[in-house]
Every structure is written in C-alpha cells, then in structure tokens.
Amino acid sequence: MWERGFLVLLAGPIVALGCAPSGKPDSESGTVLAIVNAHLYPVSEASIPNGSLIIRDGKIAEIGSDVAVPRGARRIDAGGRSVIPGLVESHSHMGFKQLNIPATSRNNNELSKPINAEVRAIDGLNANDAAFSLALAAGITTMNITTGSRSPNSGQPVVVKLRGGTVENMFFAEGGMKFAMRANGEFPNFPESVEAVHALLSSELLKARDYLERRSAARASGSPPPPRDLTLEAFGKLLTREWVVGIHTGDAAGMRYAIALKKEFDLDAFIHHARNTNELVDELLEAEIRISFGPVLPFVGPESPQVEGPVRFAERGGLVAFHQDHPDGHQYFLRHGASLFVKNGMSEHDALAALTLNPAKLFHLDDRIGSLEPGKDADFVILDGPPLDFESLVMRVFIDGEEVFNRSAGENAFRPRVPEGW
C-alpha cells in the first residue's frame, strides 16, 4: 500500500538515495531531507546549478550552492537533474468532469438558477477521479478546482494539494468565487446576453453591499441583524476582498465587462481563459487585472495570434498563469504549453513563473507555495531534463516534504500506475 512520505531506494544514478552520515541526527534538525547535486530553479531568483535544498519538517529550510547538509539528514542525489517548485494549476474541473466517465459524472454546473454563490466545489469533489494520478505524474502539486461556467455565478472553487487520500486530506485553501461573462438562454430565468449577465452580477454585488451595511449597523446599535443569507454573505467576501473572483471569459467584449466589474466594485479579480488578451493588453494593464490563460495545447497553435497576448502582457509586467482546464486539455501538456510561449518570445523565467509562482499569487498563496524559498512548503519536482524541454519527464514529486510520486518505483499517491511517457 502506498504511504505518504515513503522514500524508495533507486538503483540507478538519476535520483539515488545516498547513505545518511553516521551518528545521531542534530537535536534541532527534526525530520530532515536533503536534495543535493541538483540544478535548482527557485523561480523567485536565478537558477542554481549544483545546488542543495534542505527540507525540515515539511518546509524548505535552506537553498543554495553552498549549503551544509545537516548530520543525519536523508539524502537524495539528484545527479544534476532539474528541481523546480511544484506546478500550480489555476483552473481545472478535475474531480467533477471525471476522466473516461460519461457526462452523467459531470456535475460541476448548478443550472437550477443563475446565481449559486453558496455552492461549494469541495462538497461535490470526487478524490477518486483517475485523472489526479496523471496530473501528479505531470508535476502538478496544487490545483484550483472550479465550479462550472454555464451560469453567471457558479459558486466557490477550492484549492487542493494532490497528496492523495480523502478530499479533506487534499484541501489546501478556499478558491474564492467563480463568475462567467457568458450568456445562456437555454435555461429559464438565465440572462440571454453578456450585457444582461454583467447587470445581474452588478445587482447581486449591490445587494451584498446593502446586506453588509445592514449587518454592520445592527452590530453597532445592538439590534438584531438581518436574517443570514449565504449568497449575499459570499458576495460580501468579494466586496471586502477577502476572496478573489475568477471571471470566465475569452472574447474582447466579455473581458471588457470583467474589467468594468472589477473597477466598479474594486474586486480582487482575474480572468479565466483570456483568449483575446492580444487585443486588450493596454486595458488589462491599466485595470491591474491578471489572467489565467488556457487551455493552451492542443487548442492554441504556434501560429495563432492569441499566443502574442500573454507574451506581451508578461513582458510589460502583467501577471500570467497557464492552465489546461481538465478535461479539455491534458495536464501533461502544461509545461509544453509554456514552452510554446517561450518559442514566441516569452522569457523562460516568465514561462516557468506562469506555471508556479504566478498562479500561487492569484490566490494569495505565494507565501506558502510557488517558489523554492526558506519557510515555504516543500512542494517540488525532480525532472530528468530542463523544465521546459518537451522530452523532460517528471521523475519524482514531493508535497510538504513527502514523496507522492516516484516514476521508477511506480508509486503514486492516487495509486493507479501512470501510462508510459507521462
């Protein structure tokens, strides 16, 4: 049976476990793991050839080229291979739209009404979706799993770590809220134009503002508060910027409505998909709105003008994250999609940040994940080649300092063996 934290002794030279120095461990070292002889890509700073990463009690303790390995630490010799932060995917429906399961298991949309702010993704998530094992084998350690986009407001996404086990074990953080600038006249009482969607969302935010004001006034006067309303309470967390809101839209008109909504209510907002960023770079930068671009492969080809948008946006200081939007795009191609943008002018650093640190920043989790820095969670990936090389394979994955994937040993926290080549 697979157990988190189980380290497998490899016979080959790629990532063999070395013998720990003799003697008792340092009294202050606790549970210490040392990744040595690695080409480290911290993302927060320049890469470190022949570096070491020291992990203590699930956190990064030290990183650098001249780091002393604590006595008694477990060692993994990376053999010069690449070590990068765990990938953070900013948009997925995994656990809802399940791999190789008919549409009956696609339950990420609540379509009985257009406003569903009280609906929580975590309540319907299936941790047994076979796709999780593939995502882990692709180096993804953290994922924002969103509710659907067929209603203007589909509910509350959830951020999980792919450490296996139950949904409760995977839970990492709340994912805020999901909006969609998308008309859907197929269902009764749903807006039939994007303009009407914008008006509906604005109306709900205004109701939430009034709800917060009435509750605040009641507290100040000592009078009974208005009845609790879970929908307005959730919208209220957007107005106070306690929650981020991801807005599904791709065309220029929908993106402009998203920008208008952000400005009108001072929302902490980003745009999901953002396909036509190439048309709106200046407007997006002026609005200080961020983008989660995708799915990339196989939908956006190297000759598409849409590739230009994230390249220019990142070049001018905009925050770009990439996603594959399971099941529309496979997680295996997440790094490959980033390399497509590098071939079109994006710096390798910006492309790697779009897979790691930038999506962590979208959810204000960059103090925990997204880069290899002391104090952060020890979520990292060992690859057998450069991070953005098409042929590089993920060899081992660690979350909170514990091994959750080992290609050579065939171990995966989600149990199913990963197909060859993933």
Protein backbone atom coordinates (compact mmCIF):
# COMPACT_ATOMS: atom_id res chain seq x y z
CA MET A 1 0.00 0.00 0.00
CA TRP A 2 1.23 3.46 -0.84
CA GLU A 3 2.03 5.66 2.14
CA ARG A 4 2.84 9.35 2.04
CA GLY A 5 6.44 10.06 2.88
CA PHE A 6 7.74 6.67 1.70
CA LEU A 7 11.14 7.18 0.02
CA VAL A 8 12.20 4.46 -2.39
CA LEU A 9 15.83 3.48 -2.88
CA LEU A 10 16.59 3.67 -6.59
CA ALA A 11 19.28 1.53 -8.12
CA GLY A 12 20.02 3.96 -10.95
CA PRO A 13 22.16 7.08 -10.72
CA ILE A 14 19.44 9.61 -11.54
CA VAL A 15 17.95 10.11 -8.11
CA ALA A 16 19.56 7.52 -5.87
CA LEU A 17 19.21 7.84 -2.16
CA GLY A 18 22.63 8.23 -0.62
CA CYS A 19 23.54 6.87 2.75
CA ALA A 20 22.99 9.22 5.65
CA PRO A 21 26.13 10.21 7.57
CA SER A 22 26.79 8.10 10.60
CA GLY A 23 25.99 9.39 14.06
CA LYS A 24 22.89 10.75 15.67
CA PRO A 25 20.84 13.49 13.94
CA ASP A 26 21.27 17.04 15.15
CA SER A 27 18.86 17.69 18.00
CA GLU A 28 17.41 20.67 16.15
CA SER A 29 17.13 19.04 12.74
CA GLY A 30 13.86 17.15 13.26
CA THR A 31 12.87 15.26 10.11
CA VAL A 32 15.41 16.50 7.56
CA LEU A 33 15.65 15.70 3.85
CA ALA A 34 18.50 16.97 1.67
CA ILE A 35 18.30 17.18 -2.13
CA VAL A 36 21.90 17.53 -3.28
CA ASN A 37 23.72 17.88 -6.61
CA ALA A 38 20.63 19.46 -8.19
CA HIS A 39 20.07 22.17 -10.79
CA LEU A 40 17.63 24.25 -8.75
CA TYR A 41 15.06 26.61 -10.29
CA PRO A 42 13.71 28.64 -7.34
CA VAL A 43 11.68 30.93 -9.69
CA SER A 44 12.00 33.72 -7.11
CA GLU A 45 15.66 34.09 -8.12
CA ALA A 46 18.13 32.87 -10.75
CA SER A 47 18.71 29.15 -11.18
CA ILE A 48 21.36 27.47 -9.02
CA PRO A 49 23.49 24.81 -10.74
CA ASN A 50 24.89 22.15 -8.41
CA GLY A 51 22.74 23.35 -5.54
CA SER A 52 21.22 21.80 -2.44
CA LEU A 53 17.75 22.01 -0.95
CA ILE A 54 17.27 21.27 2.74
CA ILE A 55 13.80 20.26 3.92
CA ARG A 56 12.91 20.23 7.60
CA ASP A 57 9.50 19.07 8.87
CA GLY A 58 7.83 19.63 5.51
CA LYS A 59 9.22 23.15 4.98
CA ILE A 60 12.15 24.46 2.96
CA ALA A 61 14.87 25.30 5.47
CA GLU A 62 17.77 26.26 3.19
CA ILE A 63 18.58 26.52 -0.51
CA GLY A 64 21.80 27.43 -2.28
CA SER A 65 25.07 26.32 -3.80
CA ASP A 66 26.99 26.32 -0.51
CA VAL A 67 24.62 24.70 1.95
CA ALA A 68 25.81 22.36 4.68
CA VAL A 69 23.79 19.17 4.88
CA PRO A 70 22.75 18.54 8.49
CA ARG A 71 24.20 15.44 10.11
CA GLY A 72 21.77 12.55 9.90
CA ALA A 73 19.68 14.01 7.07
CA ARG A 74 18.25 11.71 4.46
CA ARG A 75 19.93 12.47 1.13
CA ILE A 76 18.68 12.33 -2.42
CA ASP A 77 21.39 12.82 -5.02
CA ALA A 78 19.62 14.47 -7.97
CA GLY A 79 22.55 13.70 -10.26
CA GLY A 80 22.49 17.20 -11.75
CA ARG A 81 18.83 16.92 -12.68
CA SER A 82 16.37 19.84 -12.55
CA VAL A 83 14.41 20.62 -9.39
CA ILE A 84 11.52 23.07 -9.73
CA PRO A 85 8.64 24.16 -7.50
CA GLY A 86 5.54 22.01 -7.77
CA LEU A 87 3.32 23.20 -10.61
CA VAL A 88 0.22 25.15 -9.58
CA GLU A 89 -2.70 24.88 -12.00
CA SER A 90 -5.06 27.82 -11.73
CA HIS A 91 -8.14 26.30 -13.41
CA SER A 92 -9.38 22.72 -13.54
CA HIS A 93 -12.59 20.69 -13.23
CA MET A 94 -10.86 17.53 -12.08
CA GLY A 95 -12.94 15.51 -9.65
CA PHE A 96 -16.11 16.81 -11.35
CA LYS A 97 -15.60 16.09 -15.03
CA GLN A 98 -14.05 12.72 -14.39
CA LEU A 99 -11.61 11.01 -16.71
CA ASN A 100 -13.20 8.46 -19.06
CA ILE A 101 -16.59 8.80 -17.37
CA PRO A 102 -19.74 9.71 -19.36
CA ALA A 103 -21.48 13.06 -18.99
CA THR A 104 -23.53 11.73 -16.07
CA SER A 105 -20.47 12.32 -13.88
CA ARG A 106 -20.01 15.90 -14.99
CA ASN A 107 -21.62 17.68 -12.09
CA ASN A 108 -19.70 20.97 -11.90
CA ASN A 109 -22.65 23.13 -13.02
CA GLU A 110 -25.71 24.02 -10.93
CA LEU A 111 -28.29 25.04 -13.52
CA SER A 112 -31.46 25.41 -11.46
CA LYS A 113 -30.76 29.14 -11.11
CA PRO A 114 -28.20 31.65 -12.42
CA ILE A 115 -26.74 32.75 -9.04
CA ASN A 116 -25.13 29.99 -6.95
CA ALA A 117 -22.70 31.79 -4.65
CA GLU A 118 -23.46 29.41 -1.78
CA VAL A 119 -22.46 26.30 -3.77
CA ARG A 120 -19.05 24.90 -2.76
CA ALA A 121 -16.87 22.85 -5.08
CA ILE A 122 -15.42 20.85 -2.20
CA ASP A 123 -18.85 19.40 -1.36
CA GLY A 124 -19.10 17.60 -4.71
CA LEU A 125 -15.45 16.76 -5.37
CA ASN A 126 -14.53 13.14 -6.09
CA ALA A 127 -10.97 12.49 -4.92
CA ASN A 128 -11.04 9.13 -6.74
CA ASP A 129 -11.01 10.66 -10.22
CA ALA A 130 -8.30 8.71 -12.09
CA ALA A 131 -7.11 11.94 -13.68
CA PHE A 132 -5.49 13.03 -10.40
CA SER A 133 -2.82 10.35 -10.83
CA LEU A 134 -1.97 11.72 -14.28
CA ALA A 135 -1.84 15.31 -13.02
CA LEU A 136 0.54 14.28 -10.25
CA ALA A 137 2.73 12.48 -12.77
CA ALA A 138 2.83 15.74 -14.75
CA GLY A 139 4.32 17.54 -11.74
CA ILE A 140 1.20 19.36 -10.54
CA THR A 141 1.16 19.64 -6.77
CA THR A 142 -1.57 22.26 -6.28
CA MET A 143 -4.76 22.82 -8.28
CA ASN A 144 -7.63 25.28 -8.22
CA ILE A 145 -10.73 23.22 -8.95
CA THR A 146 -13.54 25.43 -10.14
CA THR A 147 -17.26 25.14 -10.44
CA GLY A 148 -18.66 25.45 -13.97
CA SER A 149 -19.11 28.35 -16.34
CA ARG A 150 -22.60 27.73 -17.70
CA SER A 151 -24.21 30.03 -15.14
CA PRO A 152 -23.22 33.65 -14.42
CA ASN A 153 -22.20 32.68 -10.89
CA SER A 154 -21.47 29.01 -10.35
CA GLY A 155 -20.11 29.05 -6.81
CA GLN A 156 -16.94 28.64 -4.80
CA PRO A 157 -13.84 26.89 -6.21
CA VAL A 158 -11.43 25.05 -3.91
CA VAL A 159 -7.63 24.86 -3.93
CA VAL A 160 -6.26 21.39 -3.23
CA LYS A 161 -2.89 19.72 -2.93
CA LEU A 162 -2.56 16.45 -4.85
CA ARG A 163 -1.40 14.40 -1.88
CA GLY A 164 -3.99 11.63 -2.26
CA GLY A 165 -6.47 10.30 0.23
CA THR A 166 -9.76 11.99 1.00
CA VAL A 167 -10.99 15.38 -0.13
CA GLU A 168 -10.39 16.60 3.41
CA ASN A 169 -6.76 15.47 3.18
CA MET A 170 -6.34 17.27 -0.16
CA PHE A 171 -7.91 20.56 0.95
CA PHE A 172 -5.45 23.47 0.97
CA ALA A 173 -7.38 26.75 0.73
CA GLU A 174 -10.62 28.37 -0.35
CA GLY A 175 -10.65 29.34 -4.02
CA GLY A 176 -12.88 32.40 -3.78
CA MET A 177 -15.69 32.73 -6.33
CA LYS A 178 -16.37 31.95 -10.00
CA PHE A 179 -18.21 34.28 -12.39
CA ALA A 180 -18.81 33.78 -16.11
CA MET A 181 -19.44 36.51 -18.68
CA ARG A 182 -21.37 34.04 -20.77
CA ALA A 183 -24.99 34.21 -21.88
CA ASN A 184 -27.03 31.02 -21.66
CA GLY A 185 -30.64 31.43 -22.72
CA GLU A 186 -31.20 27.68 -22.69
CA PHE A 187 -32.44 27.73 -19.10
CA PRO A 188 -35.38 29.66 -17.61
CA ASN A 189 -34.54 32.97 -15.93
CA PHE A 190 -30.97 32.95 -17.25
CA PRO A 191 -29.61 36.14 -18.89
CA GLU A 192 -29.69 35.98 -22.67
CA SER A 193 -26.83 38.42 -23.33
CA VAL A 194 -23.42 39.17 -21.84
CA GLU A 195 -24.66 42.68 -21.06
CA ALA A 196 -27.51 41.15 -19.03
CA VAL A 197 -25.01 38.87 -17.23
CA HIS A 198 -22.99 41.93 -16.22
CA ALA A 199 -26.14 43.67 -15.00
CA LEU A 200 -27.20 40.62 -12.94
CA LEU A 201 -23.80 40.27 -11.26
CA SER A 202 -23.71 44.02 -10.55
CA SER A 203 -27.15 43.78 -8.99
CA GLU A 204 -26.09 40.92 -6.70
CA LEU A 205 -22.98 42.80 -5.61
CA LEU A 206 -25.11 45.86 -4.78
CA LYS A 207 -27.46 43.66 -2.72
CA ALA A 208 -24.45 42.24 -0.91
CA ARG A 209 -23.15 45.74 -0.17
CA ASP A 210 -26.51 46.66 1.35
CA TYR A 211 -26.54 43.37 3.31
CA LEU A 212 -23.10 44.12 4.80
CA GLU A 213 -24.13 47.65 5.71
CA ARG A 214 -27.30 46.47 7.44
CA ARG A 215 -25.41 43.83 9.42
CA SER A 216 -22.76 46.37 10.40
CA ALA A 217 -25.43 48.87 11.52
CA ALA A 218 -27.16 46.17 13.55
CA ARG A 219 -23.93 45.29 15.35
CA ALA A 220 -23.23 48.98 16.09
CA SER A 221 -26.72 49.57 17.51
CA GLY A 222 -27.03 46.24 19.28
CA SER A 223 -30.20 45.40 17.35
CA PRO A 224 -30.90 42.02 15.74
CA PRO A 225 -29.08 41.54 12.40
CA PRO A 226 -30.95 40.76 9.19
CA PRO A 227 -31.53 37.06 8.52
CA ARG A 228 -28.40 35.25 7.39
CA ASP A 229 -28.16 34.97 3.59
CA LEU A 230 -25.40 32.61 2.39
CA THR A 231 -25.49 34.01 -1.13
CA LEU A 232 -25.08 37.64 -0.07
CA GLU A 233 -22.56 36.62 2.58
CA ALA A 234 -20.40 35.01 -0.10
CA PHE A 235 -20.72 38.02 -2.42
CA GLY A 236 -19.82 40.21 0.56
CA LYS A 237 -16.44 38.47 0.79
CA LEU A 238 -15.73 39.75 -2.72
CA LEU A 239 -16.57 43.31 -1.70
CA THR A 240 -14.24 43.14 1.30
CA ARG A 241 -11.57 41.48 -0.91
CA GLU A 242 -11.40 38.53 1.48
CA TRP A 243 -11.96 36.37 -1.60
CA VAL A 244 -10.63 36.53 -5.11
CA VAL A 245 -13.03 36.11 -8.04
CA GLY A 246 -12.10 34.36 -11.27
CA ILE A 247 -14.16 35.58 -14.23
CA HIS A 248 -14.64 33.18 -17.14
CA THR A 249 -14.42 35.00 -20.46
CA GLY A 250 -12.31 34.92 -23.59
CA ASP A 251 -13.61 37.36 -26.19
CA ALA A 252 -12.82 41.08 -26.07
CA ALA A 253 -16.38 42.16 -25.18
CA GLY A 254 -16.63 39.77 -22.24
CA MET A 255 -13.17 40.74 -20.99
CA ARG A 256 -14.17 44.41 -21.04
CA TYR A 257 -17.25 43.60 -18.94
CA ALA A 258 -14.97 41.76 -16.50
CA ILE A 259 -12.71 44.81 -16.29
CA ALA A 260 -15.75 47.05 -15.70
CA LEU A 261 -17.00 44.81 -12.89
CA LYS A 262 -13.58 44.84 -11.23
CA LYS A 263 -13.37 48.63 -11.40
CA GLU A 264 -16.96 49.27 -10.28
CA PHE A 265 -16.66 47.18 -7.11
CA ASP A 266 -12.88 47.21 -6.54
CA LEU A 267 -12.77 43.42 -6.82
CA ASP A 268 -9.69 41.24 -6.40
CA ALA A 269 -10.28 39.68 -9.80
CA PHE A 270 -8.56 37.72 -12.53
CA ILE A 271 -9.79 36.45 -15.90
CA HIS A 272 -10.06 32.75 -16.72
CA HIS A 273 -9.15 31.87 -20.35
CA ALA A 274 -8.46 35.43 -21.59
CA ARG A 275 -8.05 34.23 -25.18
CA ASN A 276 -8.16 37.70 -26.70
CA THR A 277 -5.56 39.23 -24.43
CA ASN A 278 -3.66 40.23 -27.58
CA GLU A 279 -6.42 42.79 -28.30
CA LEU A 280 -6.56 44.22 -24.77
CA VAL A 281 -3.04 44.34 -23.34
CA ASP A 282 -3.19 48.06 -22.53
CA GLU A 283 -6.66 47.87 -20.98
CA LEU A 284 -5.77 44.85 -18.84
CA LEU A 285 -2.58 46.50 -17.59
CA GLU A 286 -4.40 49.75 -16.80
CA ALA A 287 -7.03 47.83 -14.83
CA GLU A 288 -4.34 45.82 -13.00
CA ILE A 289 -6.26 42.65 -13.73
CA ARG A 290 -4.45 39.32 -14.01
CA ILE A 291 -5.05 36.42 -16.39
CA SER A 292 -5.13 32.64 -16.29
CA PHE A 293 -4.61 31.75 -19.94
CA GLY A 294 -5.73 28.40 -21.30
CA PRO A 295 -6.30 25.74 -22.15
CA VAL A 296 -3.22 26.03 -24.35
CA LEU A 297 -2.47 22.71 -26.09
CA PRO A 298 -3.88 21.39 -28.33
CA PHE A 299 -6.19 24.38 -28.82
CA VAL A 300 -3.76 27.26 -29.36
CA GLY A 301 -1.22 26.61 -32.12
CA PRO A 302 2.14 28.31 -32.63
CA GLU A 303 0.75 30.45 -35.49
CA SER A 304 -2.27 31.71 -33.54
CA PRO A 305 -2.29 35.47 -32.87
CA GLN A 306 -3.59 34.61 -29.38
CA VAL A 307 -0.07 33.49 -28.41
CA GLU A 308 1.09 37.08 -28.69
CA GLY A 309 -1.20 38.31 -25.89
CA PRO A 310 0.37 36.59 -22.85
CA VAL A 311 3.86 37.23 -24.26
CA ARG A 312 3.30 40.99 -24.49
CA PHE A 313 1.32 41.09 -21.24
CA ALA A 314 4.10 39.37 -19.26
CA GLU A 315 6.79 41.42 -20.98
CA ARG A 316 5.12 44.60 -19.72
CA GLY A 317 4.72 43.38 -16.16
CA GLY A 318 1.29 41.72 -16.25
CA LEU A 319 0.70 38.56 -14.23
CA VAL A 320 0.08 35.49 -16.40
CA ALA A 321 -0.74 31.97 -15.25
CA PHE A 322 -1.30 28.98 -17.53
CA HIS A 323 -3.91 26.25 -17.18
CA GLN A 324 -5.09 23.21 -19.15
CA ASP A 325 -8.71 23.12 -17.90
CA HIS A 326 -9.22 19.37 -17.43
CA PRO A 327 -10.70 17.57 -19.25
CA ASP A 328 -10.43 19.95 -22.21
CA GLY A 329 -6.63 19.92 -22.13
CA HIS A 330 -4.35 17.30 -20.59
CA GLN A 331 -2.09 18.25 -17.68
CA TYR A 332 0.85 16.51 -19.37
CA PHE A 333 0.93 19.43 -21.82
CA LEU A 334 1.05 22.19 -19.18
CA ARG A 335 4.85 22.55 -19.37
CA HIS A 336 4.75 22.02 -23.13
CA GLY A 337 2.27 24.86 -23.49
CA ALA A 338 4.60 27.14 -21.56
CA SER A 339 7.44 26.27 -23.93
CA LEU A 340 5.23 27.32 -26.85
CA PHE A 341 5.18 30.85 -25.45
CA VAL A 342 8.96 30.78 -24.96
CA LYS A 343 9.34 29.95 -28.64
CA ASN A 344 7.25 33.03 -29.35
CA GLY A 345 9.27 35.46 -27.26
CA MET A 346 8.37 34.94 -23.60
CA SER A 347 11.36 34.59 -21.28
CA GLU A 348 11.93 31.16 -19.77
CA HIS A 349 11.66 32.72 -16.32
CA ASP A 350 8.24 34.26 -17.06
CA ALA A 351 7.02 30.96 -18.54
CA LEU A 352 8.13 28.96 -15.52
CA ALA A 353 6.62 31.56 -13.18
CA ALA A 354 3.32 31.21 -15.08
CA LEU A 355 3.30 27.55 -14.01
CA THR A 356 4.30 28.07 -10.39
CA LEU A 357 4.61 31.40 -8.59
CA ASN A 358 2.07 33.41 -10.61
CA PRO A 359 -0.90 31.07 -10.08
CA ALA A 360 0.03 30.97 -6.39
CA LYS A 361 -0.16 34.77 -6.38
CA LEU A 362 -3.65 34.66 -7.93
CA PHE A 363 -4.94 33.03 -4.74
CA HIS A 364 -2.57 34.87 -2.36
CA LEU A 365 -0.85 31.61 -1.52
CA ASP A 366 2.61 32.72 -2.65
CA ASP A 367 3.75 32.88 0.97
CA ARG A 368 3.31 29.09 1.05
CA ILE A 369 3.86 27.71 -2.46
CA GLY A 370 5.06 28.59 -5.97
CA SER A 371 8.81 29.02 -5.42
CA LEU A 372 11.71 27.36 -3.62
CA GLU A 373 12.37 29.67 -0.69
CA PRO A 374 13.10 29.12 3.01
CA GLY A 375 9.91 28.93 5.05
CA LYS A 376 7.69 27.77 2.19
CA ASP A 377 6.03 24.38 1.86
CA ALA A 378 8.41 21.78 0.44
CA ASP A 379 6.44 21.14 -2.76
CA PHE A 380 8.90 20.32 -5.54
CA VAL A 381 9.50 18.23 -8.64
CA ILE A 382 12.60 16.41 -9.90
CA LEU A 383 12.80 16.18 -13.71
CA ASP A 384 15.27 14.28 -15.88
CA GLY A 385 15.91 17.32 -18.09
CA PRO A 386 15.36 21.09 -18.37
CA PRO A 387 11.97 22.26 -17.01
CA LEU A 388 10.55 23.43 -20.35
CA ASP A 389 12.08 20.75 -22.57
CA PHE A 390 9.43 18.75 -24.41
CA GLU A 391 11.19 15.47 -23.62
CA SER A 392 11.82 16.08 -19.91
CA LEU A 393 9.93 13.67 -17.69
CA VAL A 394 8.81 14.14 -14.12
CA MET A 395 10.74 11.59 -12.07
CA ARG A 396 9.70 12.36 -8.50
CA VAL A 397 7.21 14.69 -6.81
CA PHE A 398 7.15 15.86 -3.19
CA ILE A 399 4.41 17.68 -1.32
CA ASP A 400 5.10 19.08 2.14
CA GLY A 401 8.43 17.25 2.01
CA GLU A 402 6.85 13.83 1.48
CA GLU A 403 7.19 11.82 -1.69
CA VAL A 404 3.88 11.37 -3.53
CA PHE A 405 5.15 10.20 -6.93
CA ASN A 406 8.13 8.11 -7.98
CA ARG A 407 8.27 7.14 -11.66
CA SER A 408 11.00 4.49 -11.33
CA ALA A 409 9.28 2.72 -8.45
CA GLY A 410 5.80 3.09 -9.96
CA GLU A 411 4.48 4.78 -6.82
CA ASN A 412 1.67 7.34 -6.97
CA ALA A 413 -0.36 8.80 -4.10
CA PHE A 414 -3.50 8.21 -6.20
CA ARG A 415 -2.49 4.56 -6.73
CA PRO A 416 -3.18 3.89 -10.45
CA ARG A 417 0.04 3.34 -12.38
CA VAL A 418 0.68 6.16 -14.84
CA PRO A 419 0.89 5.23 -18.55
CA GLU A 420 4.37 5.13 -20.03
CA GLY A 421 5.51 8.53 -21.28
CA TRP A 422 3.51 10.62 -18.84
